[in-house]
């Protein structure tokens, strides 16, 4: 399957940040913020991958 195929490939959604009251402040391991930060790292990689696929689709559609 090539990048030009008509495939449903939505942009990834950013994780929702925890609210201030979700962290108890007692040093839990992992803290809700640790879990969130890990999810943000995964999201950033997924977004970069999606952006590369989208750029390839755009280039293929314009003939460049």
PDB file of N, CA and C in Angstrom:
ATOM      1  N   UNK A   1       0.853  -1.176   0.000  1.00  0.00           N
ATOM      2  CA  UNK A   1       0.000   0.000   0.000  1.00  0.00           C
ATOM      3  C   UNK A   1       0.897   1.237   0.000  1.00  0.00           C
ATOM      4  N   UNK A   2       0.633   2.155  -0.888  1.00  0.00           N
ATOM      5  CA  UNK A   2       1.455   3.369  -0.963  1.00  0.00           C
ATOM      6  C   UNK A   2       0.815   4.498  -0.182  1.00  0.00           C
ATOM      7  N   UNK A   3       1.582   5.566   0.003  1.00  0.00           N
ATOM      8  CA  UNK A   3       1.074   6.708   0.760  1.00  0.00           C
ATOM      9  C   UNK A   3      -0.029   7.437   0.019  1.00  0.00           C
ATOM     10  N   UNK A   4      -0.184   7.176  -1.282  1.00  0.00           N
ATOM     11  CA  UNK A   4      -1.212   7.868  -2.058  1.00  0.00           C
ATOM     12  C   UNK A   4      -2.551   7.154  -2.008  1.00  0.00           C
ATOM     13  N   UNK A   5      -2.593   5.951  -1.445  1.00  0.00           N
ATOM     14  CA  UNK A   5      -3.854   5.233  -1.349  1.00  0.00           C
ATOM     15  C   UNK A   5      -4.833   6.011  -0.486  1.00  0.00           C
ATOM     16  N   UNK A   6      -6.097   5.876  -0.836  1.00  0.00           N
ATOM     17  CA  UNK A   6      -7.148   6.576  -0.086  1.00  0.00           C
ATOM     18  C   UNK A   6      -7.435   5.798   1.196  1.00  0.00           C
ATOM     19  N   UNK A   7      -6.688   6.125   2.250  1.00  0.00           N
ATOM     20  CA  UNK A   7      -6.783   5.427   3.520  1.00  0.00           C
ATOM     21  C   UNK A   7      -7.145   6.439   4.601  1.00  0.00           C
ATOM     22  N   UNK A   8      -8.035   6.036   5.479  1.00  0.00           N
ATOM     23  CA  UNK A   8      -8.401   6.900   6.594  1.00  0.00           C
ATOM     24  C   UNK A   8      -7.207   6.989   7.537  1.00  0.00           C
ATOM     25  N   UNK A   9      -6.632   8.167   7.657  1.00  0.00           N
ATOM     26  CA  UNK A   9      -5.441   8.384   8.470  1.00  0.00           C
ATOM     27  C   UNK A   9      -5.587   9.713   9.198  1.00  0.00           C
ATOM     28  N   UNK A  10      -6.401   9.738  10.258  1.00  0.00           N
ATOM     29  CA  UNK A  10      -6.620  11.009  10.955  1.00  0.00           C
ATOM     30  C   UNK A  10      -5.387  11.460  11.727  1.00  0.00           C
ATOM     31  N   UNK A  11      -5.290  12.762  11.905  1.00  0.00           N
ATOM     32  CA  UNK A  11      -4.215  13.324  12.713  1.00  0.00           C
ATOM     33  C   UNK A  11      -4.382  12.813  14.149  1.00  0.00           C
ATOM     34  N   UNK A  12      -3.286  12.399  14.791  1.00  0.00           N
ATOM     35  CA  UNK A  12      -3.408  11.929  16.172  1.00  0.00           C
ATOM     36  C   UNK A  12      -3.870  13.046  17.100  1.00  0.00           C
ATOM     37  N   UNK A  13      -4.539  12.658  18.150  1.00  0.00           N
ATOM     38  CA  UNK A  13      -5.030  13.637  19.120  1.00  0.00           C
ATOM     39  C   UNK A  13      -4.081  13.704  20.317  1.00  0.00           C
ATOM     40  N   UNK A  14      -3.848  14.912  20.773  1.00  0.00           N
ATOM     41  CA  UNK A  14      -2.978  15.119  21.936  1.00  0.00           C
ATOM     42  C   UNK A  14      -3.641  14.550  23.185  1.00  0.00           C
ATOM     43  N   UNK A  15      -2.826  14.021  24.093  1.00  0.00           N
ATOM     44  CA  UNK A  15      -3.406  13.530  25.349  1.00  0.00           C
ATOM     45  C   UNK A  15      -3.927  14.702  26.177  1.00  0.00           C
ATOM     46  N   UNK A  16      -4.904  14.412  26.972  1.00  0.00           N
ATOM     47  CA  UNK A  16      -5.478  15.449  27.832  1.00  0.00           C
ATOM     48  C   UNK A  16      -4.645  15.554  29.101  1.00  0.00           C
ATOM     49  N   UNK A  17      -4.252  16.777  29.421  1.00  0.00           N
ATOM     50  CA  UNK A  17      -3.439  17.009  30.623  1.00  0.00           C
ATOM     51  C   UNK A  17      -4.268  16.762  31.873  1.00  0.00           C
ATOM     52  N   UNK A  18      -3.640  16.208  32.894  1.00  0.00           N
ATOM     53  CA  UNK A  18      -4.355  16.024  34.154  1.00  0.00           C
ATOM     54  C   UNK A  18      -4.693  17.379  34.774  1.00  0.00           C
ATOM     55  N   UNK A  19      -5.750  17.399  35.502  1.00  0.00           N
ATOM     56  CA  UNK A  19      -6.100  18.622  36.224  1.00  0.00           C
ATOM     57  C   UNK A  19      -5.242  18.699  37.490  1.00  0.00           C
ATOM     58  N   UNK A  20      -5.130  19.886  38.052  1.00  0.00           N
ATOM     59  CA  UNK A  20      -4.288  20.083  39.233  1.00  0.00           C
ATOM     60  C   UNK A  20      -4.701  19.179  40.392  1.00  0.00           C
ATOM     61  N   UNK A  21      -5.978  18.887  40.495  1.00  0.00           N
ATOM     62  CA  UNK A  21      -6.435  18.071  41.623  1.00  0.00           C
ATOM     63  C   UNK A  21      -6.194  16.577  41.412  1.00  0.00           C
ATOM     64  N   UNK A  22      -5.688  16.187  40.247  1.00  0.00           N
ATOM     65  CA  UNK A  22      -5.418  14.773  39.991  1.00  0.00           C
ATOM     66  C   UNK A  22      -4.080  14.338  40.580  1.00  0.00           C
ATOM     67  N   UNK A  23      -3.205  15.284  40.868  1.00  0.00           N
ATOM     68  CA  UNK A  23      -1.914  14.971  41.481  1.00  0.00           C
ATOM     69  C   UNK A  23      -2.037  15.203  42.985  1.00  0.00           C
ATOM     70  N   UNK A  24      -1.714  14.177  43.746  1.00  0.00           N
ATOM     71  CA  UNK A  24      -1.853  14.294  45.199  1.00  0.00           C
ATOM     72  C   UNK A  24      -0.640  14.959  45.848  1.00  0.00           C
ATOM     73  N   UNK A  25       0.465  15.069  45.104  1.00  0.00           N
ATOM     74  CA  UNK A  25       1.653  15.739  45.634  1.00  0.00           C
ATOM     75  C   UNK A  25       2.460  14.888  46.593  1.00  0.00           C
ATOM     76  N   UNK A  26       2.172  13.590  46.672  1.00  0.00           N
ATOM     77  CA  UNK A  26       2.892  12.751  47.635  1.00  0.00           C
ATOM     78  C   UNK A  26       4.043  11.977  47.008  1.00  0.00           C
ATOM     79  N   UNK A  27       4.373  12.287  45.755  1.00  0.00           N
ATOM     80  CA  UNK A  27       5.511  11.632  45.123  1.00  0.00           C
ATOM     81  C   UNK A  27       5.224  10.250  44.579  1.00  0.00           C
ATOM     82  N   UNK A  28       4.005  10.000  44.176  1.00  0.00           N
ATOM     83  CA  UNK A  28       3.655   8.698  43.600  1.00  0.00           C
ATOM     84  C   UNK A  28       4.574   8.375  42.425  1.00  0.00           C
ATOM     85  N   UNK A  29       4.843   7.087  42.242  1.00  0.00           N
ATOM     86  CA  UNK A  29       5.665   6.657  41.122  1.00  0.00           C
ATOM     87  C   UNK A  29       4.933   5.538  40.386  1.00  0.00           C
ATOM     88  N   UNK A  30       4.351   5.813  39.250  1.00  0.00           N
ATOM     89  CA  UNK A  30       4.449   7.069  38.522  1.00  0.00           C
ATOM     90  C   UNK A  30       3.362   8.049  38.944  1.00  0.00           C
ATOM     91  N   UNK A  31       3.685   9.295  38.867  1.00  0.00           N
ATOM     92  CA  UNK A  31       2.724  10.374  39.107  1.00  0.00           C
ATOM     93  C   UNK A  31       1.848  10.511  37.862  1.00  0.00           C
ATOM     94  N   UNK A  32       0.671  11.076  38.008  1.00  0.00           N
ATOM     95  CA  UNK A  32      -0.177  11.305  36.834  1.00  0.00           C
ATOM     96  C   UNK A  32       0.546  12.181  35.823  1.00  0.00           C
ATOM     97  N   UNK A  33       1.429  13.052  36.287  1.00  0.00           N
ATOM     98  CA  UNK A  33       2.191  13.907  35.373  1.00  0.00           C
ATOM     99  C   UNK A  33       3.256  13.109  34.630  1.00  0.00           C
ATOM    100  N   UNK A  34       3.844  12.101  35.279  1.00  0.00           N
ATOM    101  CA  UNK A  34       4.793  11.221  34.591  1.00  0.00           C
ATOM    102  C   UNK A  34       4.083  10.475  33.465  1.00  0.00           C
ATOM    103  N   UNK A  35       2.911   9.960  33.765  1.00  0.00           N
ATOM    104  CA  UNK A  35       2.127   9.230  32.770  1.00  0.00           C
ATOM    105  C   UNK A  35       1.742  10.150  31.625  1.00  0.00           C
ATOM    106  N   UNK A  36       1.321  11.362  31.949  1.00  0.00           N
ATOM    107  CA  UNK A  36       0.961  12.338  30.926  1.00  0.00           C
ATOM    108  C   UNK A  36       2.164  12.691  30.056  1.00  0.00           C
ATOM    109  N   UNK A  37       3.310  12.958  30.679  1.00  0.00           N
ATOM    110  CA  UNK A  37       4.504  13.323  29.913  1.00  0.00           C
ATOM    111  C   UNK A  37       4.943  12.195  28.975  1.00  0.00           C
ATOM    112  N   UNK A  38       4.801  10.953  29.417  1.00  0.00           N
ATOM    113  CA  UNK A  38       5.118   9.817  28.549  1.00  0.00           C
ATOM    114  C   UNK A  38       4.147   9.774  27.373  1.00  0.00           C
ATOM    115  N   UNK A  39       2.877  10.035  27.638  1.00  0.00           N
ATOM    116  CA  UNK A  39       1.869  10.052  26.570  1.00  0.00           C
ATOM    117  C   UNK A  39       2.141  11.183  25.587  1.00  0.00           C
ATOM    118  N   UNK A  40       2.613  12.320  26.073  1.00  0.00           N
ATOM    119  CA  UNK A  40       2.950  13.451  25.195  1.00  0.00           C
ATOM    120  C   UNK A  40       4.111  13.073  24.284  1.00  0.00           C
ATOM    121  N   UNK A  41       5.104  12.370  24.796  1.00  0.00           N
ATOM    122  CA  UNK A  41       6.229  11.940  23.963  1.00  0.00           C
ATOM    123  C   UNK A  41       5.748  11.012  22.847  1.00  0.00           C
ATOM    124  N   UNK A  42       4.881  10.072  23.180  1.00  0.00           N
ATOM    125  CA  UNK A  42       4.322   9.160  22.174  1.00  0.00           C
ATOM    126  C   UNK A  42       3.518   9.961  21.155  1.00  0.00           C
ATOM    127  N   UNK A  43       2.698  10.888  21.637  1.00  0.00           N
ATOM    128  CA  UNK A  43       1.893  11.725  20.745  1.00  0.00           C
ATOM    129  C   UNK A  43       2.770  12.521  19.788  1.00  0.00           C
ATOM    130  N   UNK A  44       3.839  13.103  20.282  1.00  0.00           N
ATOM    131  CA  UNK A  44       4.726  13.908  19.419  1.00  0.00           C
ATOM    132  C   UNK A  44       5.329  13.052  18.310  1.00  0.00           C
ATOM    133  N   UNK A  45       5.714  11.812  18.640  1.00  0.00           N
ATOM    134  CA  UNK A  45       6.258  10.927  17.617  1.00  0.00           C
ATOM    135  C   UNK A  45       5.170  10.540  16.611  1.00  0.00           C
ATOM    136  N   UNK A  46       3.982  10.226  17.117  1.00  0.00           N
ATOM    137  CA  UNK A  46       2.869   9.882  16.222  1.00  0.00           C
ATOM    138  C   UNK A  46       2.526  11.056  15.316  1.00  0.00           C
ATOM    139  N   UNK A  47       2.559  12.268  15.862  1.00  0.00           N
ATOM    140  CA  UNK A  47       2.259  13.457  15.076  1.00  0.00           C
ATOM    141  C   UNK A  47       3.321  13.676  14.003  1.00  0.00           C
ATOM    142  N   UNK A  48       4.586  13.527  14.360  1.00  0.00           N
ATOM    143  CA  UNK A  48       5.660  13.688  13.380  1.00  0.00           C
ATOM    144  C   UNK A  48       5.524  12.654  12.266  1.00  0.00           C
ATOM    145  N   UNK A  49       5.204  11.417  12.631  1.00  0.00           N
ATOM    146  CA  UNK A  49       5.008  10.368  11.626  1.00  0.00           C
ATOM    147  C   UNK A  49       3.825  10.707  10.724  1.00  0.00           C
ATOM    148  N   UNK A  50       2.740  11.175  11.314  1.00  0.00           N
ATOM    149  CA  UNK A  50       1.554  11.536  10.542  1.00  0.00           C
ATOM    150  C   UNK A  50       1.864  12.707   9.606  1.00  0.00           C
ATOM    151  N   UNK A  51       2.587  13.698  10.107  1.00  0.00           N
ATOM    152  CA  UNK A  51       2.939  14.856   9.279  1.00  0.00           C
ATOM    153  C   UNK A  51       3.793  14.433   8.083  1.00  0.00           C
ATOM    154  N   UNK A  52       4.696  13.485   8.284  1.00  0.00           N
ATOM    155  CA  UNK A  52       5.518  12.990   7.176  1.00  0.00           C
ATOM    156  C   UNK A  52       4.642  12.270   6.149  1.00  0.00           C
ATOM    157  N   UNK A  53       3.706  11.442   6.629  1.00  0.00           N
ATOM    158  CA  UNK A  53       2.795  10.759   5.699  1.00  0.00           C
ATOM    159  C   UNK A  53       1.928  11.758   4.955  1.00  0.00           C
ATOM    160  N   UNK A  54       1.459  12.768   5.658  1.00  0.00           N
ATOM    161  CA  UNK A  54       0.597  13.789   5.046  1.00  0.00           C
ATOM    162  C   UNK A  54       1.377  14.576   3.993  1.00  0.00           C
ATOM    163  N   UNK A  55       2.618  14.926   4.283  1.00  0.00           N
ATOM    164  CA  UNK A  55       3.445  15.637   3.319  1.00  0.00           C
ATOM    165  C   UNK A  55       3.672  14.784   2.068  1.00  0.00           C
ATOM    166  N   UNK A  56       3.891  13.489   2.262  1.00  0.00           N
ATOM    167  CA  UNK A  56       4.083  12.577   1.135  1.00  0.00           C
ATOM    168  C   UNK A  56       2.802  12.481   0.302  1.00  0.00           C
ATOM    169  N   UNK A  57       1.664  12.434   0.974  1.00  0.00           N
ATOM    170  CA  UNK A  57       0.372  12.397   0.252  1.00  0.00           C
ATOM    171  C   UNK A  57       0.184  13.690  -0.544  1.00  0.00           C
ATOM    172  N   UNK A  58       0.473  14.822   0.073  1.00  0.00           N
ATOM    173  CA  UNK A  58       0.319  16.113  -0.607  1.00  0.00           C
ATOM    174  C   UNK A  58       1.217  16.178  -1.835  1.00  0.00           C
ATOM    175  N   UNK A  59       2.468  15.750  -1.673  1.00  0.00           N
ATOM    176  CA  UNK A  59       3.407  15.786  -2.788  1.00  0.00           C
ATOM    177  C   UNK A  59       2.951  14.855  -3.909  1.00  0.00           C
ATOM    178  N   UNK A  60       2.450  13.689  -3.549  1.00  0.00           N
ATOM    179  CA  UNK A  60       1.985  12.733  -4.560  1.00  0.00           C
ATOM    180  C   UNK A  60       0.764  13.272  -5.293  1.00  0.00           C
ATOM    181  N   UNK A  61      -0.097  14.000  -4.575  1.00  0.00           N
ATOM    182  CA  UNK A  61      -1.308  14.532  -5.180  1.00  0.00           C
ATOM    183  C   UNK A  61      -1.039  15.733  -6.085  1.00  0.00           C
ATOM    184  N   UNK A  62       0.066  16.430  -5.853  1.00  0.00           N
ATOM    185  CA  UNK A  62       0.394  17.599  -6.683  1.00  0.00           C
ATOM    186  C   UNK A  62       1.407  17.242  -7.771  1.00  0.00           C
ATOM    187  N   UNK A  63       1.864  15.990  -7.757  1.00  0.00           N
ATOM    188  CA  UNK A  63       2.804  15.552  -8.775  1.00  0.00           C
ATOM    189  C   UNK A  63       4.223  15.962  -8.534  1.00  0.00           C
ATOM    190  N   UNK A  64       4.546  16.439  -7.335  1.00  0.00           N
ATOM    191  CA  UNK A  64       5.924  16.857  -7.024  1.00  0.00           C
ATOM    192  C   UNK A  64       6.713  15.700  -6.461  1.00  0.00           C
TER     193      UNK A  64
END
